[in-house]
Amino acid sequence: MRVIIDRFEGEYAVVELEDGSMAYLAAKLLPGAREGDVVLITVDHEATARRKKRIQGLWQRVAQGKNEKK
């Protein structure tokens, strides 16, 4: 999804979405961005899958009692 930075209001950037509606994003997520810049927002599916796998492993360890310190 591409958004266009319309303006900054305090700690927020007001961005125009692809459908023309407006939304607020935390300005700290857009370091160096300026009014008029086009920002690409993507979902990192590979990183998400790695994170889910790691968390599932941690839950399995907890469920099996292997997380106890000796």
PDB file of N, CA and C in Angstrom:
ATOM      1  N   MET A   1       0.843  -1.165   0.000  1.00  0.00           N
ATOM      2  CA  MET A   1       0.000   0.000   0.000  1.00  0.00           C
ATOM      3  C   MET A   1       0.893   1.234   0.000  1.00  0.00           C
ATOM      4  N   ARG A   2       0.547   2.161  -0.843  1.00  0.00           N
ATOM      5  CA  ARG A   2       1.273   3.423  -0.892  1.00  0.00           C
ATOM      6  C   ARG A   2       0.420   4.508  -0.247  1.00  0.00           C
ATOM      7  N   VAL A   3       1.064   5.349   0.544  1.00  0.00           N
ATOM      8  CA  VAL A   3       0.396   6.504   1.140  1.00  0.00           C
ATOM      9  C   VAL A   3       1.221   7.741   0.816  1.00  0.00           C
ATOM     10  N   ILE A   4       0.551   8.873   0.780  1.00  0.00           N
ATOM     11  CA  ILE A   4       1.221  10.145   0.512  1.00  0.00           C
ATOM     12  C   ILE A   4       1.137  10.990   1.776  1.00  0.00           C
ATOM     13  N   ILE A   5       2.278  11.509   2.194  1.00  0.00           N
ATOM     14  CA  ILE A   5       2.280  12.363   3.382  1.00  0.00           C
ATOM     15  C   ILE A   5       1.696  13.716   2.999  1.00  0.00           C
ATOM     16  N   ASP A   6       0.564  14.036   3.594  1.00  0.00           N
ATOM     17  CA  ASP A   6      -0.113  15.299   3.328  1.00  0.00           C
ATOM     18  C   ASP A   6       0.493  16.415   4.168  1.00  0.00           C
ATOM     19  N   ARG A   7       0.660  16.125   5.459  1.00  0.00           N
ATOM     20  CA  ARG A   7       1.193  17.134   6.372  1.00  0.00           C
ATOM     21  C   ARG A   7       1.558  16.465   7.699  1.00  0.00           C
ATOM     22  N   PHE A   8       2.244  17.216   8.532  1.00  0.00           N
ATOM     23  CA  PHE A   8       2.567  16.765   9.880  1.00  0.00           C
ATOM     24  C   PHE A   8       1.787  17.612  10.875  1.00  0.00           C
ATOM     25  N   GLU A   9       1.223  16.950  11.865  1.00  0.00           N
ATOM     26  CA  GLU A   9       0.515  17.624  12.955  1.00  0.00           C
ATOM     27  C   GLU A   9       1.093  17.102  14.262  1.00  0.00           C
ATOM     28  N   GLY A  10       1.999  17.871  14.835  1.00  0.00           N
ATOM     29  CA  GLY A  10       2.637  17.444  16.081  1.00  0.00           C
ATOM     30  C   GLY A  10       3.404  16.151  15.882  1.00  0.00           C
ATOM     31  N   GLU A  11       3.044  15.132  16.642  1.00  0.00           N
ATOM     32  CA  GLU A  11       3.747  13.851  16.584  1.00  0.00           C
ATOM     33  C   GLU A  11       3.173  12.911  15.529  1.00  0.00           C
ATOM     34  N   TYR A  12       2.276  13.418  14.690  1.00  0.00           N
ATOM     35  CA  TYR A  12       1.627  12.565  13.695  1.00  0.00           C
ATOM     36  C   TYR A  12       1.809  13.094  12.285  1.00  0.00           C
ATOM     37  N   ALA A  13       1.848  12.159  11.350  1.00  0.00           N
ATOM     38  CA  ALA A  13       1.816  12.493   9.935  1.00  0.00           C
ATOM     39  C   ALA A  13       0.412  12.170   9.447  1.00  0.00           C
ATOM     40  N   VAL A  14      -0.184  13.119   8.751  1.00  0.00           N
ATOM     41  CA  VAL A  14      -1.486  12.880   8.140  1.00  0.00           C
ATOM     42  C   VAL A  14      -1.193  12.377   6.732  1.00  0.00           C
ATOM     43  N   VAL A  15      -1.665  11.174   6.435  1.00  0.00           N
ATOM     44  CA  VAL A  15      -1.360  10.563   5.143  1.00  0.00           C
ATOM     45  C   VAL A  15      -2.642  10.292   4.369  1.00  0.00           C
ATOM     46  N   GLU A  16      -2.517  10.384   3.049  1.00  0.00           N
ATOM     47  CA  GLU A  16      -3.638  10.055   2.176  1.00  0.00           C
ATOM     48  C   GLU A  16      -3.472   8.617   1.708  1.00  0.00           C
ATOM     49  N   LEU A  17      -4.497   7.815   1.939  1.00  0.00           N
ATOM     50  CA  LEU A  17      -4.476   6.416   1.531  1.00  0.00           C
ATOM     51  C   LEU A  17      -4.841   6.300   0.056  1.00  0.00           C
ATOM     52  N   GLU A  18      -4.655   5.117  -0.497  1.00  0.00           N
ATOM     53  CA  GLU A  18      -4.917   4.896  -1.915  1.00  0.00           C
ATOM     54  C   GLU A  18      -6.363   5.185  -2.304  1.00  0.00           C
ATOM     55  N   ASP A  19      -7.291   5.023  -1.361  1.00  0.00           N
ATOM     56  CA  ASP A  19      -8.702   5.276  -1.670  1.00  0.00           C
ATOM     57  C   ASP A  19      -9.097   6.740  -1.460  1.00  0.00           C
ATOM     58  N   GLY A  20      -8.119   7.582  -1.126  1.00  0.00           N
ATOM     59  CA  GLY A  20      -8.374   9.000  -0.944  1.00  0.00           C
ATOM     60  C   GLY A  20      -8.710   9.405   0.475  1.00  0.00           C
ATOM     61  N   SER A  21      -8.934   8.438   1.351  1.00  0.00           N
ATOM     62  CA  SER A  21      -9.219   8.763   2.745  1.00  0.00           C
ATOM     63  C   SER A  21      -7.921   9.141   3.461  1.00  0.00           C
ATOM     64  N   MET A  22      -8.068   9.759   4.609  1.00  0.00           N
ATOM     65  CA  MET A  22      -6.912  10.223   5.366  1.00  0.00           C
ATOM     66  C   MET A  22      -6.747   9.381   6.626  1.00  0.00           C
ATOM     67  N   ALA A  23      -5.509   9.262   7.084  1.00  0.00           N
ATOM     68  CA  ALA A  23      -5.207   8.510   8.300  1.00  0.00           C
ATOM     69  C   ALA A  23      -4.017   9.171   8.986  1.00  0.00           C
ATOM     70  N   TYR A  24      -3.824   8.814  10.243  1.00  0.00           N
ATOM     71  CA  TYR A  24      -2.702   9.333  11.026  1.00  0.00           C
ATOM     72  C   TYR A  24      -1.692   8.215  11.266  1.00  0.00           C
ATOM     73  N   LEU A  25      -0.423   8.535  11.103  1.00  0.00           N
ATOM     74  CA  LEU A  25       0.673   7.632  11.450  1.00  0.00           C
ATOM     75  C   LEU A  25       1.598   8.384  12.403  1.00  0.00           C
ATOM     76  N   ALA A  26       2.197   7.655  13.310  1.00  0.00           N
ATOM     77  CA  ALA A  26       3.178   8.281  14.195  1.00  0.00           C
ATOM     78  C   ALA A  26       4.349   8.780  13.350  1.00  0.00           C
ATOM     79  N   ALA A  27       4.668  10.043  13.479  1.00  0.00           N
ATOM     80  CA  ALA A  27       5.743  10.642  12.686  1.00  0.00           C
ATOM     81  C   ALA A  27       7.082   9.959  12.935  1.00  0.00           C
ATOM     82  N   LYS A  28       7.280   9.412  14.149  1.00  0.00           N
ATOM     83  CA  LYS A  28       8.559   8.763  14.448  1.00  0.00           C
ATOM     84  C   LYS A  28       8.765   7.503  13.606  1.00  0.00           C
ATOM     85  N   LEU A  29       7.699   6.986  12.981  1.00  0.00           N
ATOM     86  CA  LEU A  29       7.836   5.836  12.087  1.00  0.00           C
ATOM     87  C   LEU A  29       8.319   6.244  10.701  1.00  0.00           C
ATOM     88  N   LEU A  30       8.419   7.548  10.465  1.00  0.00           N
ATOM     89  CA  LEU A  30       8.769   8.059   9.141  1.00  0.00           C
ATOM     90  C   LEU A  30       9.974   8.995   9.205  1.00  0.00           C
ATOM     91  N   PRO A  31      11.095   8.529   9.753  1.00  0.00           N
ATOM     92  CA  PRO A  31      12.249   9.428   9.885  1.00  0.00           C
ATOM     93  C   PRO A  31      12.721   9.928   8.519  1.00  0.00           C
ATOM     94  N   GLY A  32      12.917  11.215   8.424  1.00  0.00           N
ATOM     95  CA  GLY A  32      13.415  11.812   7.189  1.00  0.00           C
ATOM     96  C   GLY A  32      12.352  12.061   6.140  1.00  0.00           C
ATOM     97  N   ALA A  33      11.128  11.635   6.382  1.00  0.00           N
ATOM     98  CA  ALA A  33      10.062  11.834   5.401  1.00  0.00           C
ATOM     99  C   ALA A  33       9.564  13.273   5.461  1.00  0.00           C
ATOM    100  N   ARG A  34       9.077  13.747   4.306  1.00  0.00           N
ATOM    101  CA  ARG A  34       8.595  15.117   4.211  1.00  0.00           C
ATOM    102  C   ARG A  34       7.224  15.138   3.553  1.00  0.00           C
ATOM    103  N   GLU A  35       6.555  16.264   3.670  1.00  0.00           N
ATOM    104  CA  GLU A  35       5.264  16.428   3.010  1.00  0.00           C
ATOM    105  C   GLU A  35       5.415  16.147   1.521  1.00  0.00           C
ATOM    106  N   GLY A  36       4.476  15.388   0.973  1.00  0.00           N
ATOM    107  CA  GLY A  36       4.512  15.046  -0.444  1.00  0.00           C
ATOM    108  C   GLY A  36       5.208  13.733  -0.744  1.00  0.00           C
ATOM    109  N   ASP A  37       5.962  13.207   0.209  1.00  0.00           N
ATOM    110  CA  ASP A  37       6.646  11.930  -0.017  1.00  0.00           C
ATOM    111  C   ASP A  37       5.633  10.793  -0.120  1.00  0.00           C
ATOM    112  N   VAL A  38       5.950   9.845  -0.975  1.00  0.00           N
ATOM    113  CA  VAL A  38       5.158   8.624  -1.100  1.00  0.00           C
ATOM    114  C   VAL A  38       5.849   7.556  -0.262  1.00  0.00           C
ATOM    115  N   VAL A  39       5.082   6.919   0.609  1.00  0.00           N
ATOM    116  CA  VAL A  39       5.625   5.905   1.514  1.00  0.00           C
ATOM    117  C   VAL A  39       4.970   4.574   1.188  1.00  0.00           C
ATOM    118  N   LEU A  40       5.778   3.543   1.070  1.00  0.00           N
ATOM    119  CA  LEU A  40       5.286   2.196   0.798  1.00  0.00           C
ATOM    120  C   LEU A  40       5.191   1.437   2.116  1.00  0.00           C
ATOM    121  N   ILE A  41       4.007   0.913   2.407  1.00  0.00           N
ATOM    122  CA  ILE A  41       3.791   0.117   3.616  1.00  0.00           C
ATOM    123  C   ILE A  41       3.573  -1.320   3.175  1.00  0.00           C
ATOM    124  N   THR A  42       4.403  -2.229   3.683  1.00  0.00           N
ATOM    125  CA  THR A  42       4.300  -3.636   3.291  1.00  0.00           C
ATOM    126  C   THR A  42       4.258  -4.528   4.527  1.00  0.00           C
ATOM    127  N   VAL A  43       3.761  -5.719   4.322  1.00  0.00           N
ATOM    128  CA  VAL A  43       3.768  -6.741   5.364  1.00  0.00           C
ATOM    129  C   VAL A  43       4.913  -7.693   5.037  1.00  0.00           C
ATOM    130  N   ASP A  44       5.794  -7.929   5.988  1.00  0.00           N
ATOM    131  CA  ASP A  44       6.919  -8.841   5.792  1.00  0.00           C
ATOM    132  C   ASP A  44       6.474 -10.240   6.220  1.00  0.00           C
ATOM    133  N   HIS A  45       5.952 -10.998   5.265  1.00  0.00           N
ATOM    134  CA  HIS A  45       5.397 -12.318   5.564  1.00  0.00           C
ATOM    135  C   HIS A  45       6.462 -13.297   6.067  1.00  0.00           C
ATOM    136  N   GLU A  46       7.673 -13.226   5.524  1.00  0.00           N
ATOM    137  CA  GLU A  46       8.742 -14.133   5.959  1.00  0.00           C
ATOM    138  C   GLU A  46       9.125 -13.870   7.413  1.00  0.00           C
ATOM    139  N   ALA A  47       9.284 -12.606   7.773  1.00  0.00           N
ATOM    140  CA  ALA A  47       9.632 -12.267   9.158  1.00  0.00           C
ATOM    141  C   ALA A  47       8.496 -12.642  10.106  1.00  0.00           C
ATOM    142  N   THR A  48       7.267 -12.472   9.656  1.00  0.00           N
ATOM    143  CA  THR A  48       6.114 -12.847  10.476  1.00  0.00           C
ATOM    144  C   THR A  48       6.113 -14.346  10.737  1.00  0.00           C
ATOM    145  N   ALA A  49       6.373 -15.136   9.700  1.00  0.00           N
ATOM    146  CA  ALA A  49       6.398 -16.596   9.851  1.00  0.00           C
ATOM    147  C   ALA A  49       7.512 -17.023  10.810  1.00  0.00           C
ATOM    148  N   ARG A  50       8.703 -16.408  10.693  1.00  0.00           N
ATOM    149  CA  ARG A  50       9.811 -16.732  11.603  1.00  0.00           C
ATOM    150  C   ARG A  50       9.438 -16.402  13.046  1.00  0.00           C
ATOM    151  N   ARG A  51       8.807 -15.255  13.241  1.00  0.00           N
ATOM    152  CA  ARG A  51       8.413 -14.832  14.585  1.00  0.00           C
ATOM    153  C   ARG A  51       7.381 -15.792  15.167  1.00  0.00           C
ATOM    154  N   LYS A  52       6.387 -16.168  14.371  1.00  0.00           N
ATOM    155  CA  LYS A  52       5.365 -17.105  14.842  1.00  0.00           C
ATOM    156  C   LYS A  52       5.986 -18.447  15.222  1.00  0.00           C
ATOM    157  N   LYS A  53       6.924 -18.918  14.405  1.00  0.00           N
ATOM    158  CA  LYS A  53       7.574 -20.197  14.679  1.00  0.00           C
ATOM    159  C   LYS A  53       8.359 -20.130  15.989  1.00  0.00           C
ATOM    160  N   ARG A  54       9.062 -19.025  16.197  1.00  0.00           N
ATOM    161  CA  ARG A  54       9.841 -18.855  17.429  1.00  0.00           C
ATOM    162  C   ARG A  54       8.919 -18.816  18.643  1.00  0.00           C
ATOM    163  N   ILE A  55       7.832 -18.085  18.540  1.00  0.00           N
ATOM    164  CA  ILE A  55       6.900 -17.974  19.664  1.00  0.00           C
ATOM    165  C   ILE A  55       6.229 -19.312  19.945  1.00  0.00           C
ATOM    166  N   GLN A  56       5.873 -20.052  18.903  1.00  0.00           N
ATOM    167  CA  GLN A  56       5.280 -21.378  19.099  1.00  0.00           C
ATOM    168  C   GLN A  56       6.250 -22.292  19.836  1.00  0.00           C
ATOM    169  N   GLY A  57       7.522 -22.208  19.484  1.00  0.00           N
ATOM    170  CA  GLY A  57       8.537 -23.004  20.170  1.00  0.00           C
ATOM    171  C   GLY A  57       8.640 -22.641  21.641  1.00  0.00           C
ATOM    172  N   LEU A  58       8.580 -21.349  21.930  1.00  0.00           N
ATOM    173  CA  LEU A  58       8.624 -20.909  23.328  1.00  0.00           C
ATOM    174  C   LEU A  58       7.412 -21.413  24.096  1.00  0.00           C
ATOM    175  N   TRP A  59       6.227 -21.346  23.508  1.00  0.00           N
ATOM    176  CA  TRP A  59       5.019 -21.840  24.165  1.00  0.00           C
ATOM    177  C   TRP A  59       5.101 -23.344  24.406  1.00  0.00           C
ATOM    178  N   GLN A  60       5.656 -24.067  23.452  1.00  0.00           N
ATOM    179  CA  GLN A  60       5.811 -25.515  23.628  1.00  0.00           C
ATOM    180  C   GLN A  60       6.742 -25.809  24.794  1.00  0.00           C
ATOM    181  N   ARG A  61       7.826 -25.043  24.896  1.00  0.00           N
ATOM    182  CA  ARG A  61       8.760 -25.237  26.008  1.00  0.00           C
ATOM    183  C   ARG A  61       8.084 -24.949  27.335  1.00  0.00           C
ATOM    184  N   VAL A  62       7.294 -23.901  27.386  1.00  0.00           N
ATOM    185  CA  VAL A  62       6.581 -23.562  28.621  1.00  0.00           C
ATOM    186  C   VAL A  62       5.591 -24.665  28.962  1.00  0.00           C
ATOM    187  N   ALA A  63       4.844 -25.130  27.973  1.00  0.00           N
ATOM    188  CA  ALA A  63       3.835 -26.168  28.200  1.00  0.00           C
ATOM    189  C   ALA A  63       4.465 -27.476  28.664  1.00  0.00           C
ATOM    190  N   GLN A  64       5.680 -27.756  28.218  1.00  0.00           N
ATOM    191  CA  GLN A  64       6.364 -28.991  28.582  1.00  0.00           C
ATOM    192  C   GLN A  64       7.179 -28.830  29.863  1.00  0.00           C
ATOM    193  N   GLY A  65       7.185 -27.644  30.436  1.00  0.00           N
ATOM    194  CA  GLY A  65       7.921 -27.412  31.672  1.00  0.00           C
ATOM    195  C   GLY A  65       9.415 -27.292  31.473  1.00  0.00           C
ATOM    196  N   LYS A  66       9.886 -27.092  30.245  1.00  0.00           N
ATOM    197  CA  LYS A  66      11.324 -27.005  29.978  1.00  0.00           C
ATOM    198  C   LYS A  66      11.868 -25.602  30.174  1.00  0.00           C
ATOM    199  N   ASN A  67      11.030 -24.696  30.584  1.00  0.00           N
ATOM    200  CA  ASN A  67      11.469 -23.324  30.774  1.00  0.00           C
ATOM    201  C   ASN A  67      11.912 -23.070  32.211  1.00  0.00           C
ATOM    202  N   GLU A  68      11.871 -24.103  33.053  1.00  0.00           N
ATOM    203  CA  GLU A  68      12.253 -23.947  34.452  1.00  0.00           C
ATOM    204  C   GLU A  68      13.768 -23.869  34.585  1.00  0.00           C
ATOM    205  N   LYS A  69      14.227 -22.959  35.441  1.00  0.00           N
ATOM    206  CA  LYS A  69      15.669 -22.843  35.690  1.00  0.00           C
ATOM    207  C   LYS A  69      16.047 -23.807  36.791  1.00  0.00           C
ATOM    208  N   LYS A  70      17.204 -24.426  36.639  1.00  0.00           N
ATOM    209  CA  LYS A  70      17.675 -25.400  37.631  1.00  0.00           C
ATOM    210  C   LYS A  70      18.758 -24.801  38.469  1.00  0.00           C
TER     211      LYS A  70
END
